[in-house]
Amino acid sequence: MFKSSKLAAAALGALAIGAIAFSTSAAAAPLPLFPFFMTPPTAAAPPQVAAPSQDEDTVMMPARLKRQVVNYATREAPGTIIIDTPNTYLYLVLGNGQAIRYGIGIGRDGFTWSGTQTITKKAEWPDWTPPPEMIARQPYLPRQMAGGPGNPLGARAMYLGGTIYRIHGTNAPETIGTRVSSGCLRLTNGDVSDLYSRVSVGTKVIVLPMTDRRADLGATIH
């Protein structure tokens, strides 16, 4: 009987100590009222979309078509753009007998033109709205396309007078040095971005005729 009473007392003491320990633990770190309601995970931030690169032109081009400063004799004022249609070059006159020369793509047979215009508008990553004349020839073309890397006008466009023609970039850099367009003048996205940064609205643009087959006048400066 005595031994049984001692065992009962020990058990009650252990229960009391456990209750005190539980109470102290609960006070230090209260249990959630509804532990089965889990806190929803924090949503991951959406991935950042990189801006389209202007220098994605990876096609290897002949050295003559790469942007370079050349000797170029002309009476035109610095800042003038001269399109050498037969040689598929665009010259930006620097003055003092020099110019920056860019390789370009020009109009295919039957779509070349010549004359003097001015830049009347500039646009970055321009939308493309094919003119009615082009849609009549190619009915499958979209009526409008938002600007971006897949747009045929490329990274920049400079609009020439009241014509349908532009100096613009391209998403097909392999066409530089060829005659494939409907009359517009195309450069690689890297080159058109460089040219765009150097000219302004009002810049004079001289387009030489295809029949003006003079020798290449731009001698590279070594």
N, C-alpha and C. Protein backbone atom coordinates (compact mmCIF):
# COMPACT_ATOMS: atom_id res chain seq x y z
N MET A 1 0.83 -1.21 0.00
CA MET A 1 0.00 0.00 0.00
C MET A 1 0.85 1.24 0.00
N PHE A 2 1.88 1.25 0.89
CA PHE A 2 2.79 2.39 0.97
C PHE A 2 3.53 2.58 -0.35
N LYS A 3 3.99 1.44 -0.92
CA LYS A 3 4.74 1.51 -2.17
C LYS A 3 3.84 2.03 -3.28
N SER A 4 2.57 1.62 -3.29
CA SER A 4 1.63 2.08 -4.31
C SER A 4 1.39 3.57 -4.20
N SER A 5 1.31 4.07 -2.94
CA SER A 5 1.10 5.52 -2.75
C SER A 5 2.29 6.31 -3.27
N LYS A 6 3.50 5.78 -3.05
CA LYS A 6 4.71 6.49 -3.52
C LYS A 6 4.74 6.55 -5.04
N LEU A 7 4.31 5.45 -5.69
CA LEU A 7 4.30 5.43 -7.16
C LEU A 7 3.28 6.42 -7.70
N ALA A 8 2.12 6.50 -7.02
CA ALA A 8 1.09 7.44 -7.47
C ALA A 8 1.58 8.87 -7.33
N ALA A 9 2.25 9.16 -6.20
CA ALA A 9 2.76 10.52 -5.97
C ALA A 9 3.81 10.89 -7.02
N ALA A 10 4.67 9.92 -7.37
CA ALA A 10 5.70 10.18 -8.39
C ALA A 10 5.08 10.47 -9.73
N ALA A 11 4.03 9.71 -10.04
CA ALA A 11 3.36 9.94 -11.32
C ALA A 11 2.72 11.30 -11.38
N LEU A 12 2.06 11.70 -10.28
CA LEU A 12 1.43 13.03 -10.25
C LEU A 12 2.49 14.13 -10.39
N GLY A 13 3.66 13.90 -9.74
CA GLY A 13 4.74 14.90 -9.85
C GLY A 13 5.23 15.04 -11.27
N ALA A 14 5.36 13.92 -11.96
CA ALA A 14 5.82 13.97 -13.36
C ALA A 14 4.83 14.69 -14.24
N LEU A 15 3.53 14.43 -14.01
CA LEU A 15 2.50 15.13 -14.78
C LEU A 15 2.55 16.62 -14.54
N ALA A 16 2.77 17.02 -13.28
CA ALA A 16 2.83 18.45 -12.95
C ALA A 16 4.00 19.12 -13.64
N ILE A 17 5.17 18.44 -13.62
CA ILE A 17 6.36 19.01 -14.28
C ILE A 17 6.13 19.14 -15.78
N GLY A 18 5.51 18.11 -16.38
CA GLY A 18 5.20 18.16 -17.82
C GLY A 18 4.26 19.29 -18.15
N ALA A 19 3.24 19.49 -17.29
CA ALA A 19 2.29 20.58 -17.53
C ALA A 19 2.98 21.92 -17.47
N ILE A 20 3.88 22.09 -16.48
CA ILE A 20 4.61 23.37 -16.37
C ILE A 20 5.49 23.60 -17.59
N ALA A 21 6.21 22.53 -18.03
CA ALA A 21 7.08 22.66 -19.21
C ALA A 21 6.27 23.02 -20.44
N PHE A 22 5.11 22.36 -20.62
CA PHE A 22 4.26 22.66 -21.77
C PHE A 22 3.78 24.10 -21.74
N SER A 23 3.39 24.54 -20.50
CA SER A 23 2.90 25.93 -20.36
C SER A 23 3.99 26.91 -20.71
N THR A 24 5.23 26.65 -20.25
CA THR A 24 6.35 27.56 -20.54
C THR A 24 6.65 27.58 -22.02
N SER A 25 6.66 26.39 -22.69
CA SER A 25 6.93 26.33 -24.12
C SER A 25 5.86 27.05 -24.90
N ALA A 26 4.60 26.89 -24.48
CA ALA A 26 3.51 27.55 -25.18
C ALA A 26 3.61 29.04 -25.05
N ALA A 27 4.06 29.52 -23.89
CA ALA A 27 4.20 30.96 -23.70
C ALA A 27 5.31 31.51 -24.57
N ALA A 28 6.39 30.71 -24.73
CA ALA A 28 7.53 31.18 -25.52
C ALA A 28 7.22 31.20 -27.00
N ALA A 29 6.47 30.21 -27.49
CA ALA A 29 6.17 30.12 -28.91
C ALA A 29 4.75 29.61 -29.09
N PRO A 30 3.74 30.48 -29.09
CA PRO A 30 2.34 30.06 -29.16
C PRO A 30 2.09 29.27 -30.43
N LEU A 31 1.34 28.20 -30.29
CA LEU A 31 0.97 27.41 -31.45
C LEU A 31 -0.09 28.13 -32.25
N PRO A 32 -0.08 27.98 -33.58
CA PRO A 32 -1.13 28.63 -34.39
C PRO A 32 -2.49 28.08 -34.03
N LEU A 33 -3.48 28.95 -34.12
CA LEU A 33 -4.83 28.55 -33.75
C LEU A 33 -5.35 27.46 -34.66
N PHE A 34 -5.04 27.60 -35.98
CA PHE A 34 -5.45 26.60 -36.95
C PHE A 34 -4.21 26.11 -37.70
N PRO A 35 -3.49 25.17 -37.10
CA PRO A 35 -2.20 24.77 -37.71
C PRO A 35 -2.36 24.15 -39.08
N PHE A 36 -3.58 23.74 -39.46
CA PHE A 36 -3.73 23.11 -40.76
C PHE A 36 -3.91 24.12 -41.88
N PHE A 37 -4.04 25.42 -41.53
CA PHE A 37 -4.08 26.46 -42.54
C PHE A 37 -2.66 26.91 -42.83
N MET A 38 -2.10 26.45 -43.92
CA MET A 38 -0.71 26.76 -44.24
C MET A 38 -0.62 28.13 -44.90
N THR A 39 0.44 28.89 -44.57
CA THR A 39 0.67 30.18 -45.21
C THR A 39 1.01 29.94 -46.68
N PRO A 40 0.29 30.57 -47.61
CA PRO A 40 0.57 30.32 -49.03
C PRO A 40 1.98 30.74 -49.38
N PRO A 41 2.66 29.99 -50.24
CA PRO A 41 4.04 30.34 -50.62
C PRO A 41 4.07 31.66 -51.37
N THR A 42 5.14 32.42 -51.16
CA THR A 42 5.29 33.69 -51.86
C THR A 42 5.53 33.45 -53.34
N ALA A 43 4.75 34.09 -54.18
CA ALA A 43 4.89 33.89 -55.62
C ALA A 43 6.22 34.41 -56.10
N ALA A 44 6.88 33.66 -56.96
CA ALA A 44 8.17 34.09 -57.51
C ALA A 44 7.96 35.28 -58.44
N ALA A 45 8.89 36.22 -58.42
CA ALA A 45 8.79 37.38 -59.29
C ALA A 45 8.85 36.94 -60.74
N PRO A 46 8.05 37.54 -61.61
CA PRO A 46 8.07 37.14 -63.02
C PRO A 46 9.43 37.40 -63.62
N PRO A 47 9.89 36.54 -64.52
CA PRO A 47 11.22 36.74 -65.13
C PRO A 47 11.26 38.03 -65.91
N GLN A 48 12.39 38.71 -65.83
CA GLN A 48 12.58 39.95 -66.56
C GLN A 48 12.86 39.65 -68.03
N VAL A 49 12.12 40.28 -68.89
CA VAL A 49 12.32 40.07 -70.33
C VAL A 49 13.33 41.10 -70.81
N ALA A 50 14.40 40.63 -71.39
CA ALA A 50 15.45 41.54 -71.87
C ALA A 50 14.95 42.32 -73.07
N ALA A 51 15.37 43.58 -73.14
CA ALA A 51 15.02 44.40 -74.30
C ALA A 51 15.68 43.83 -75.54
N PRO A 52 15.04 43.95 -76.66
CA PRO A 52 15.64 43.42 -77.89
C PRO A 52 17.02 44.02 -78.13
N SER A 53 17.96 43.19 -78.45
CA SER A 53 19.31 43.67 -78.71
C SER A 53 19.39 44.30 -80.08
N GLN A 54 20.19 45.34 -80.17
CA GLN A 54 20.38 46.00 -81.46
C GLN A 54 21.60 45.43 -82.18
N ASP A 55 22.31 44.52 -81.54
CA ASP A 55 23.54 44.00 -82.12
C ASP A 55 23.48 42.48 -82.22
N GLU A 56 22.39 41.98 -82.77
CA GLU A 56 22.22 40.54 -82.90
C GLU A 56 22.62 40.05 -84.29
N ASP A 57 23.25 40.92 -85.05
CA ASP A 57 23.63 40.55 -86.41
C ASP A 57 24.86 39.66 -86.35
N THR A 58 24.68 38.37 -86.57
CA THR A 58 25.78 37.43 -86.46
C THR A 58 26.26 36.93 -87.81
N VAL A 59 25.64 37.40 -88.89
CA VAL A 59 26.03 36.95 -90.23
C VAL A 59 27.37 37.57 -90.59
N MET A 60 28.27 36.74 -91.10
CA MET A 60 29.57 37.23 -91.54
C MET A 60 29.40 37.94 -92.88
N MET A 61 29.83 39.21 -92.93
CA MET A 61 29.70 40.00 -94.15
C MET A 61 31.09 40.27 -94.72
N PRO A 62 31.16 40.50 -96.03
CA PRO A 62 32.44 40.90 -96.62
C PRO A 62 32.96 42.18 -95.96
N ALA A 63 34.27 42.30 -95.89
CA ALA A 63 34.87 43.45 -95.22
C ALA A 63 34.39 44.77 -95.81
N ARG A 64 34.13 44.80 -97.12
CA ARG A 64 33.74 46.06 -97.76
C ARG A 64 32.38 46.56 -97.26
N LEU A 65 31.55 45.66 -96.74
CA LEU A 65 30.21 46.07 -96.30
C LEU A 65 30.15 46.44 -94.83
N LYS A 66 31.27 46.29 -94.12
CA LYS A 66 31.28 46.63 -92.70
C LYS A 66 31.44 48.14 -92.52
N ARG A 67 30.83 48.65 -91.46
CA ARG A 67 30.91 50.09 -91.18
C ARG A 67 32.36 50.51 -90.97
N GLN A 68 32.77 51.59 -91.67
CA GLN A 68 34.15 52.06 -91.58
C GLN A 68 34.26 53.50 -92.06
N VAL A 69 35.27 54.19 -91.57
CA VAL A 69 35.56 55.55 -92.03
C VAL A 69 36.45 55.45 -93.26
N VAL A 70 36.07 56.20 -94.31
CA VAL A 70 36.80 56.13 -95.58
C VAL A 70 37.08 57.55 -96.08
N ASN A 71 38.04 57.63 -96.99
CA ASN A 71 38.25 58.89 -97.70
C ASN A 71 37.14 59.03 -98.73
N TYR A 72 36.52 60.20 -98.77
CA TYR A 72 35.38 60.38 -99.68
C TYR A 72 35.31 61.85 -100.10
N ALA A 73 35.63 62.10 -101.35
CA ALA A 73 35.64 63.47 -101.86
C ALA A 73 34.24 63.85 -102.33
N THR A 74 33.70 64.91 -101.77
CA THR A 74 32.37 65.39 -102.16
C THR A 74 32.25 66.87 -101.80
N ARG A 75 31.39 67.56 -102.52
CA ARG A 75 31.11 68.95 -102.20
C ARG A 75 29.91 69.09 -101.25
N GLU A 76 29.29 67.98 -100.92
CA GLU A 76 28.14 68.03 -100.03
C GLU A 76 28.58 68.35 -98.61
N ALA A 77 27.71 69.01 -97.87
CA ALA A 77 28.02 69.45 -96.51
C ALA A 77 28.09 68.27 -95.55
N PRO A 78 28.90 68.40 -94.50
CA PRO A 78 28.92 67.35 -93.47
C PRO A 78 27.51 67.08 -92.94
N GLY A 79 27.24 65.82 -92.69
CA GLY A 79 25.91 65.43 -92.22
C GLY A 79 25.01 64.93 -93.33
N THR A 80 25.41 65.15 -94.60
CA THR A 80 24.60 64.69 -95.73
C THR A 80 24.75 63.17 -95.89
N ILE A 81 23.66 62.52 -96.24
CA ILE A 81 23.68 61.09 -96.56
C ILE A 81 23.68 60.93 -98.08
N ILE A 82 24.59 60.12 -98.59
CA ILE A 82 24.64 59.83 -100.03
C ILE A 82 24.50 58.32 -100.21
N ILE A 83 23.51 57.91 -100.99
CA ILE A 83 23.29 56.51 -101.29
C ILE A 83 23.95 56.16 -102.61
N ASP A 84 25.00 55.35 -102.55
CA ASP A 84 25.68 54.87 -103.75
C ASP A 84 24.97 53.59 -104.18
N THR A 85 23.91 53.74 -104.96
CA THR A 85 23.06 52.60 -105.31
C THR A 85 23.82 51.48 -106.02
N PRO A 86 24.61 51.77 -107.05
CA PRO A 86 25.28 50.67 -107.77
C PRO A 86 26.21 49.84 -106.90
N ASN A 87 26.87 50.48 -105.93
CA ASN A 87 27.84 49.77 -105.09
C ASN A 87 27.28 49.31 -103.75
N THR A 88 25.98 49.54 -103.52
CA THR A 88 25.29 49.18 -102.27
C THR A 88 26.00 49.72 -101.03
N TYR A 89 26.27 51.06 -101.07
CA TYR A 89 26.86 51.74 -99.93
C TYR A 89 25.98 52.93 -99.54
N LEU A 90 26.05 53.27 -98.27
CA LEU A 90 25.50 54.53 -97.77
C LEU A 90 26.66 55.29 -97.15
N TYR A 91 26.84 56.54 -97.57
CA TYR A 91 27.89 57.39 -97.01
C TYR A 91 27.26 58.47 -96.14
N LEU A 92 27.81 58.66 -94.96
CA LEU A 92 27.47 59.81 -94.12
C LEU A 92 28.68 60.74 -94.15
N VAL A 93 28.51 61.89 -94.79
CA VAL A 93 29.63 62.82 -94.99
C VAL A 93 30.08 63.40 -93.66
N LEU A 94 31.39 63.29 -93.38
CA LEU A 94 31.96 63.85 -92.15
C LEU A 94 32.62 65.20 -92.38
N GLY A 95 33.01 65.47 -93.64
CA GLY A 95 33.78 66.67 -93.94
C GLY A 95 35.27 66.35 -93.98
N ASN A 96 36.06 67.31 -94.45
CA ASN A 96 37.51 67.13 -94.57
C ASN A 96 37.87 65.89 -95.38
N GLY A 97 37.05 65.61 -96.40
CA GLY A 97 37.35 64.51 -97.30
C GLY A 97 37.09 63.12 -96.74
N GLN A 98 36.28 63.03 -95.70
CA GLN A 98 36.02 61.73 -95.10
C GLN A 98 34.52 61.48 -94.94
N ALA A 99 34.17 60.21 -94.81
CA ALA A 99 32.78 59.81 -94.60
C ALA A 99 32.75 58.47 -93.88
N ILE A 100 31.64 58.20 -93.21
CA ILE A 100 31.41 56.85 -92.68
C ILE A 100 30.66 56.08 -93.76
N ARG A 101 31.16 54.90 -94.08
CA ARG A 101 30.53 54.09 -95.12
C ARG A 101 29.87 52.86 -94.49
N TYR A 102 28.62 52.64 -94.89
CA TYR A 102 27.85 51.49 -94.41
C TYR A 102 27.44 50.63 -95.61
N GLY A 103 27.48 49.31 -95.45
CA GLY A 103 26.91 48.44 -96.47
C GLY A 103 25.39 48.43 -96.35
N ILE A 104 24.71 48.42 -97.48
CA ILE A 104 23.25 48.47 -97.47
C ILE A 104 22.66 47.44 -98.44
N GLY A 105 21.38 47.17 -98.26
CA GLY A 105 20.60 46.43 -99.25
C GLY A 105 19.71 47.43 -99.97
N ILE A 106 19.50 47.24 -101.27
CA ILE A 106 18.75 48.22 -102.07
C ILE A 106 17.58 47.54 -102.78
N GLY A 107 16.86 48.34 -103.57
CA GLY A 107 15.70 47.82 -104.30
C GLY A 107 16.11 46.80 -105.36
N ARG A 108 15.26 45.82 -105.53
CA ARG A 108 15.52 44.82 -106.58
C ARG A 108 15.25 45.44 -107.95
N ASP A 109 15.51 44.68 -108.99
CA ASP A 109 15.32 45.20 -110.35
C ASP A 109 13.91 45.75 -110.53
N GLY A 110 13.84 46.97 -111.05
CA GLY A 110 12.55 47.62 -111.25
C GLY A 110 12.07 48.43 -110.07
N PHE A 111 12.81 48.39 -108.95
CA PHE A 111 12.37 49.10 -107.75
C PHE A 111 13.43 50.06 -107.21
N THR A 112 14.47 50.31 -108.00
CA THR A 112 15.43 51.33 -107.59
C THR A 112 14.90 52.70 -107.99
N TRP A 113 15.38 53.72 -107.33
CA TRP A 113 14.95 55.08 -107.60
C TRP A 113 16.10 56.02 -107.27
N SER A 114 15.97 57.27 -107.64
CA SER A 114 17.02 58.24 -107.35
C SER A 114 16.39 59.60 -107.13
N GLY A 115 17.17 60.48 -106.56
CA GLY A 115 16.68 61.84 -106.29
C GLY A 115 17.17 62.33 -104.94
N THR A 116 16.68 63.48 -104.54
CA THR A 116 17.08 64.10 -103.27
C THR A 116 15.86 64.22 -102.37
N GLN A 117 16.00 63.75 -101.14
CA GLN A 117 14.94 63.81 -100.14
C GLN A 117 15.52 64.32 -98.83
N THR A 118 14.67 64.46 -97.84
CA THR A 118 15.13 64.78 -96.49
C THR A 118 14.48 63.80 -95.52
N ILE A 119 15.13 63.59 -94.40
CA ILE A 119 14.54 62.77 -93.35
C ILE A 119 13.44 63.58 -92.66
N THR A 120 12.22 63.08 -92.71
CA THR A 120 11.09 63.81 -92.14
C THR A 120 10.59 63.20 -90.83
N LYS A 121 11.05 62.00 -90.52
CA LYS A 121 10.61 61.34 -89.29
C LYS A 121 11.61 60.26 -88.92
N LYS A 122 11.79 60.04 -87.61
CA LYS A 122 12.64 58.97 -87.11
C LYS A 122 11.83 58.12 -86.13
N ALA A 123 12.10 56.82 -86.10
CA ALA A 123 11.37 55.94 -85.18
C ALA A 123 12.25 54.80 -84.72
N GLU A 124 12.15 54.46 -83.43
CA GLU A 124 12.84 53.31 -82.86
C GLU A 124 11.91 52.11 -82.83
N TRP A 125 12.42 50.95 -83.24
CA TRP A 125 11.62 49.72 -83.35
C TRP A 125 10.25 50.04 -83.94
N PRO A 126 10.23 50.55 -85.17
CA PRO A 126 8.99 51.05 -85.77
C PRO A 126 8.00 49.93 -86.11
N ASP A 127 6.71 50.29 -86.04
CA ASP A 127 5.68 49.40 -86.58
C ASP A 127 5.81 49.39 -88.10
N TRP A 128 5.29 48.36 -88.73
CA TRP A 128 5.33 48.26 -90.19
C TRP A 128 3.91 48.18 -90.72
N THR A 129 3.59 49.12 -91.60
CA THR A 129 2.31 49.12 -92.30
C THR A 129 2.62 49.09 -93.79
N PRO A 130 2.57 47.93 -94.43
CA PRO A 130 2.90 47.87 -95.86
C PRO A 130 1.99 48.81 -96.66
N PRO A 131 2.56 49.58 -97.58
CA PRO A 131 1.74 50.48 -98.39
C PRO A 131 0.83 49.70 -99.32
N PRO A 132 -0.25 50.32 -99.78
CA PRO A 132 -1.20 49.62 -100.67
C PRO A 132 -0.54 49.03 -101.90
N GLU A 133 0.46 49.74 -102.44
CA GLU A 133 1.13 49.24 -103.64
C GLU A 133 1.80 47.88 -103.36
N MET A 134 2.37 47.74 -102.18
CA MET A 134 3.04 46.49 -101.83
C MET A 134 2.02 45.38 -101.58
N ILE A 135 0.93 45.71 -100.92
CA ILE A 135 -0.11 44.72 -100.65
C ILE A 135 -0.73 44.23 -101.96
N ALA A 136 -0.87 45.14 -102.92
CA ALA A 136 -1.43 44.74 -104.22
C ALA A 136 -0.54 43.69 -104.89
N ARG A 137 0.79 43.83 -104.72
CA ARG A 137 1.72 42.87 -105.31
C ARG A 137 1.84 41.60 -104.48
N GLN A 138 1.69 41.75 -103.16
CA GLN A 138 1.87 40.62 -102.24
C GLN A 138 0.70 40.59 -101.25
N PRO A 139 -0.45 40.08 -101.68
CA PRO A 139 -1.66 40.12 -100.84
C PRO A 139 -1.54 39.38 -99.52
N TYR A 140 -0.57 38.48 -99.41
CA TYR A 140 -0.41 37.70 -98.19
C TYR A 140 0.24 38.49 -97.05
N LEU A 141 0.76 39.69 -97.34
CA LEU A 141 1.45 40.47 -96.30
C LEU A 141 0.47 40.91 -95.21
N PRO A 142 0.96 41.04 -93.97
CA PRO A 142 0.09 41.56 -92.91
C PRO A 142 -0.25 43.02 -93.18
N ARG A 143 -1.40 43.45 -92.71
CA ARG A 143 -1.78 44.87 -92.90
C ARG A 143 -1.06 45.77 -91.91
N GLN A 144 -0.62 45.20 -90.82
CA GLN A 144 0.13 45.98 -89.84
C GLN A 144 0.89 45.01 -88.95
N MET A 145 2.12 45.38 -88.57
CA MET A 145 2.94 44.54 -87.70
C MET A 145 3.63 45.42 -86.66
N ALA A 146 3.50 45.03 -85.40
CA ALA A 146 4.13 45.80 -84.32
C ALA A 146 5.65 45.71 -84.42
N GLY A 147 6.30 46.77 -83.95
CA GLY A 147 7.76 46.79 -83.97
C GLY A 147 8.35 45.72 -83.08
N GLY A 148 9.56 45.29 -83.40
CA GLY A 148 10.24 44.25 -82.62
C GLY A 148 11.24 43.51 -83.47
N PRO A 149 11.95 42.55 -82.86
CA PRO A 149 13.01 41.85 -83.60
C PRO A 149 12.53 41.12 -84.84
N GLY A 150 11.26 40.70 -84.89
CA GLY A 150 10.75 40.00 -86.06
C GLY A 150 10.21 40.92 -87.13
N ASN A 151 10.21 42.23 -86.89
CA ASN A 151 9.66 43.18 -87.84
C ASN A 151 10.67 43.46 -88.96
N PRO A 152 10.23 43.47 -90.22
CA PRO A 152 11.17 43.70 -91.34
C PRO A 152 11.88 45.04 -91.29
N LEU A 153 11.34 46.03 -90.56
CA LEU A 153 12.00 47.34 -90.51
C LEU A 153 13.13 47.38 -89.49
N GLY A 154 13.28 46.33 -88.69
CA GLY A 154 14.40 46.28 -87.77
C GLY A 154 14.34 47.29 -86.64
N ALA A 155 15.53 47.68 -86.15
CA ALA A 155 15.64 48.46 -84.92
C ALA A 155 15.33 49.94 -85.08
N ARG A 156 15.54 50.50 -86.25
CA ARG A 156 15.33 51.94 -86.45
C ARG A 156 14.84 52.20 -87.88
N ALA A 157 14.13 53.32 -88.04
CA ALA A 157 13.70 53.73 -89.38
C ALA A 157 13.78 55.23 -89.50
N MET A 158 14.20 55.70 -90.68
CA MET A 158 14.23 57.12 -91.02
C MET A 158 13.43 57.30 -92.29
N TYR A 159 12.35 58.06 -92.20
CA TYR A 159 11.39 58.19 -93.29
C TYR A 159 11.82 59.32 -94.22
N LEU A 160 11.70 59.08 -95.53
CA LEU A 160 12.23 60.01 -96.54
C LEU A 160 11.12 60.80 -97.19
N GLY A 161 11.07 62.09 -96.85
CA GLY A 161 10.08 63.00 -97.46
C GLY A 161 8.67 62.47 -97.34
N GLY A 162 7.88 62.68 -98.41
CA GLY A 162 6.51 62.17 -98.44
C GLY A 162 6.42 60.87 -99.20
N THR A 163 7.56 60.19 -99.41
CA THR A 163 7.57 58.94 -100.17
C THR A 163 7.22 57.76 -99.26
N ILE A 164 7.12 56.59 -99.88
CA ILE A 164 6.90 55.37 -99.10
C ILE A 164 8.23 54.73 -98.69
N TYR A 165 9.34 55.40 -99.01
CA TYR A 165 10.65 54.81 -98.79
C TYR A 165 11.25 55.22 -97.44
N ARG A 166 12.07 54.32 -96.91
CA ARG A 166 12.72 54.54 -95.62
C ARG A 166 14.14 53.99 -95.66
N ILE A 167 14.96 54.55 -94.81
CA ILE A 167 16.24 53.92 -94.46
C ILE A 167 15.95 53.19 -93.16
N HIS A 168 16.15 51.88 -93.14
CA HIS A 168 15.74 51.15 -91.93
C HIS A 168 16.65 49.96 -91.68
N GLY A 169 16.44 49.31 -90.55
CA GLY A 169 17.19 48.11 -90.20
C GLY A 169 16.59 46.90 -90.88
N THR A 170 17.01 45.72 -90.43
CA THR A 170 16.48 44.50 -91.04
C THR A 170 16.63 43.34 -90.08
N ASN A 171 15.69 42.39 -90.17
CA ASN A 171 15.84 41.14 -89.42
C ASN A 171 16.45 40.06 -90.31
N ALA A 172 16.97 40.47 -91.47
CA ALA A 172 17.63 39.55 -92.40
C ALA A 172 18.96 40.16 -92.83
N PRO A 173 19.96 40.20 -91.92
CA PRO A 173 21.23 40.87 -92.24
C PRO A 173 21.96 40.25 -93.41
N GLU A 174 21.63 39.01 -93.76
CA GLU A 174 22.29 38.37 -94.91
C GLU A 174 21.93 39.04 -96.23
N THR A 175 20.92 39.92 -96.23
CA THR A 175 20.52 40.60 -97.47
C THR A 175 21.31 41.89 -97.72
N ILE A 176 22.17 42.27 -96.78
CA ILE A 176 22.99 43.47 -97.00
C ILE A 176 23.93 43.22 -98.17
N GLY A 177 24.00 44.21 -99.08
CA GLY A 177 24.82 44.07 -100.28
C GLY A 177 24.07 43.47 -101.44
N THR A 178 22.77 43.20 -101.25
CA THR A 178 21.98 42.59 -102.33
C THR A 178 20.86 43.55 -102.77
N ARG A 179 20.16 43.14 -103.81
CA ARG A 179 19.07 43.95 -104.37
C ARG A 179 17.77 43.17 -104.19
N VAL A 180 17.10 43.41 -103.07
CA VAL A 180 15.93 42.58 -102.74
C VAL A 180 14.70 43.37 -102.29
N SER A 181 14.86 44.64 -101.97
CA SER A 181 13.75 45.38 -101.35
C SER A 181 12.80 45.94 -102.41
N SER A 182 11.74 46.57 -101.92
CA SER A 182 10.78 47.24 -102.80
C SER A 182 11.10 48.72 -102.94
N GLY A 183 12.35 49.09 -102.67
CA GLY A 183 12.79 50.47 -102.84
C GLY A 183 13.37 51.08 -101.58
N CYS A 184 13.11 50.46 -100.42
CA CYS A 184 13.70 50.97 -99.19
C CYS A 184 15.17 50.59 -99.13
N LEU A 185 15.88 51.26 -98.25
CA LEU A 185 17.33 51.07 -98.10
C LEU A 185 17.58 50.51 -96.71
N ARG A 186 18.14 49.31 -96.65
CA ARG A 186 18.27 48.62 -95.37
C ARG A 186 19.71 48.47 -94.92
N LEU A 187 19.92 48.55 -93.62
CA LEU A 187 21.22 48.33 -92.99
C LEU A 187 21.03 47.28 -91.90
N THR A 188 22.15 46.72 -91.39
CA THR A 188 22.03 45.85 -90.23
C THR A 188 21.49 46.67 -89.06
N ASN A 189 20.94 46.00 -88.08
CA ASN A 189 20.40 46.73 -86.93
C ASN A 189 21.47 47.52 -86.20
N GLY A 190 22.68 46.95 -86.11
CA GLY A 190 23.76 47.70 -85.48
C GLY A 190 24.12 48.95 -86.25
N ASP A 191 24.19 48.85 -87.57
CA ASP A 191 24.56 50.00 -88.40
C ASP A 191 23.45 51.05 -88.43
N VAL A 192 22.20 50.62 -88.53
CA VAL A 192 21.12 51.60 -88.60
C VAL A 192 20.99 52.34 -87.27
N SER A 193 21.29 51.66 -86.17
CA SER A 193 21.24 52.34 -84.86
C SER A 193 22.35 53.37 -84.76
N ASP A 194 23.52 53.04 -85.32
CA ASP A 194 24.63 53.99 -85.31
C ASP A 194 24.29 55.21 -86.17
N LEU A 195 23.78 54.97 -87.37
CA LEU A 195 23.40 56.07 -88.26
C LEU A 195 22.31 56.94 -87.63
N TYR A 196 21.33 56.28 -87.05
CA TYR A 196 20.19 56.97 -86.41
C TYR A 196 20.68 57.96 -85.35
N SER A 197 21.71 57.56 -84.62
CA SER A 197 22.22 58.42 -83.54
C SER A 197 22.99 59.63 -84.06
N ARG A 198 23.37 59.60 -85.35
CA ARG A 198 24.22 60.66 -85.91
C ARG A 198 23.45 61.68 -86.76
N VAL A 199 22.21 61.35 -87.13
CA VAL A 199 21.46 62.25 -88.02
C VAL A 199 20.19 62.72 -87.33
N SER A 200 19.59 63.74 -87.91
CA SER A 200 18.38 64.30 -87.33
C SER A 200 17.34 64.54 -88.42
N VAL A 201 16.12 64.85 -87.99
CA VAL A 201 15.09 65.22 -88.94
C VAL A 201 15.56 66.45 -89.72
N GLY A 202 15.40 66.43 -91.02
CA GLY A 202 15.89 67.52 -91.87
C GLY A 202 17.17 67.17 -92.60
N THR A 203 17.80 66.05 -92.25
CA THR A 203 19.03 65.63 -92.93
C THR A 203 18.77 65.41 -94.42
N LYS A 204 19.68 65.91 -95.23
CA LYS A 204 19.58 65.75 -96.68
C LYS A 204 20.04 64.36 -97.08
N VAL A 205 19.27 63.72 -97.97
CA VAL A 205 19.59 62.38 -98.46
C VAL A 205 19.61 62.41 -99.98
N ILE A 206 20.76 62.05 -100.57
CA ILE A 206 20.91 62.01 -102.02
C ILE A 206 21.01 60.55 -102.45
N VAL A 207 20.11 60.11 -103.30
CA VAL A 207 20.10 58.74 -103.80
C VAL A 207 20.58 58.76 -105.24
N LEU A 208 21.74 58.17 -105.49
CA LEU A 208 22.29 58.14 -106.84
C LEU A 208 21.60 57.07 -107.67
N PRO A 209 21.42 57.30 -108.97
CA PRO A 209 20.74 56.32 -109.82
C PRO A 209 21.59 55.08 -110.06
N MET A 210 20.91 53.98 -110.34
CA MET A 210 21.60 52.73 -110.64
C MET A 210 22.48 52.88 -111.88
N THR A 211 22.10 53.76 -112.79
CA THR A 211 22.86 53.94 -114.03
C THR A 211 24.16 54.71 -113.81
N ASP A 212 24.32 55.32 -112.63
CA ASP A 212 25.53 56.07 -112.33
C ASP A 212 26.59 55.10 -111.82
N ARG A 213 27.19 54.37 -112.72
CA ARG A 213 28.11 53.31 -112.34
C ARG A 213 29.55 53.80 -112.28
N ARG A 214 29.77 54.80 -111.46
CA ARG A 214 31.14 55.26 -111.24
C ARG A 214 31.86 54.27 -110.34
N ALA A 215 33.17 54.35 -110.36
CA ALA A 215 33.95 53.47 -109.49
C ALA A 215 33.65 53.82 -108.03
N ASP A 216 33.89 52.86 -107.15
CA ASP A 216 33.73 53.09 -105.73
C ASP A 216 34.63 54.24 -105.31
N LEU A 217 34.04 55.30 -104.78
CA LEU A 217 34.81 56.50 -104.44
C LEU A 217 35.35 56.49 -103.01
N GLY A 218 34.91 55.52 -102.22
CA GLY A 218 35.32 55.51 -100.81
C GLY A 218 36.51 54.61 -100.57
N ALA A 219 37.70 55.21 -100.45
CA ALA A 219 38.90 54.43 -100.16
C ALA A 219 39.05 54.29 -98.65
N THR A 220 39.17 53.07 -98.17
CA THR A 220 39.26 52.83 -96.74
C THR A 220 40.49 53.50 -96.14
N ILE A 221 40.33 54.10 -94.97
CA ILE A 221 41.45 54.72 -94.27
C ILE A 221 42.13 53.65 -93.41
N HIS A 222 43.40 53.43 -93.61
CA HIS A 222 44.13 52.41 -92.86
C HIS A 222 44.83 53.04 -91.68
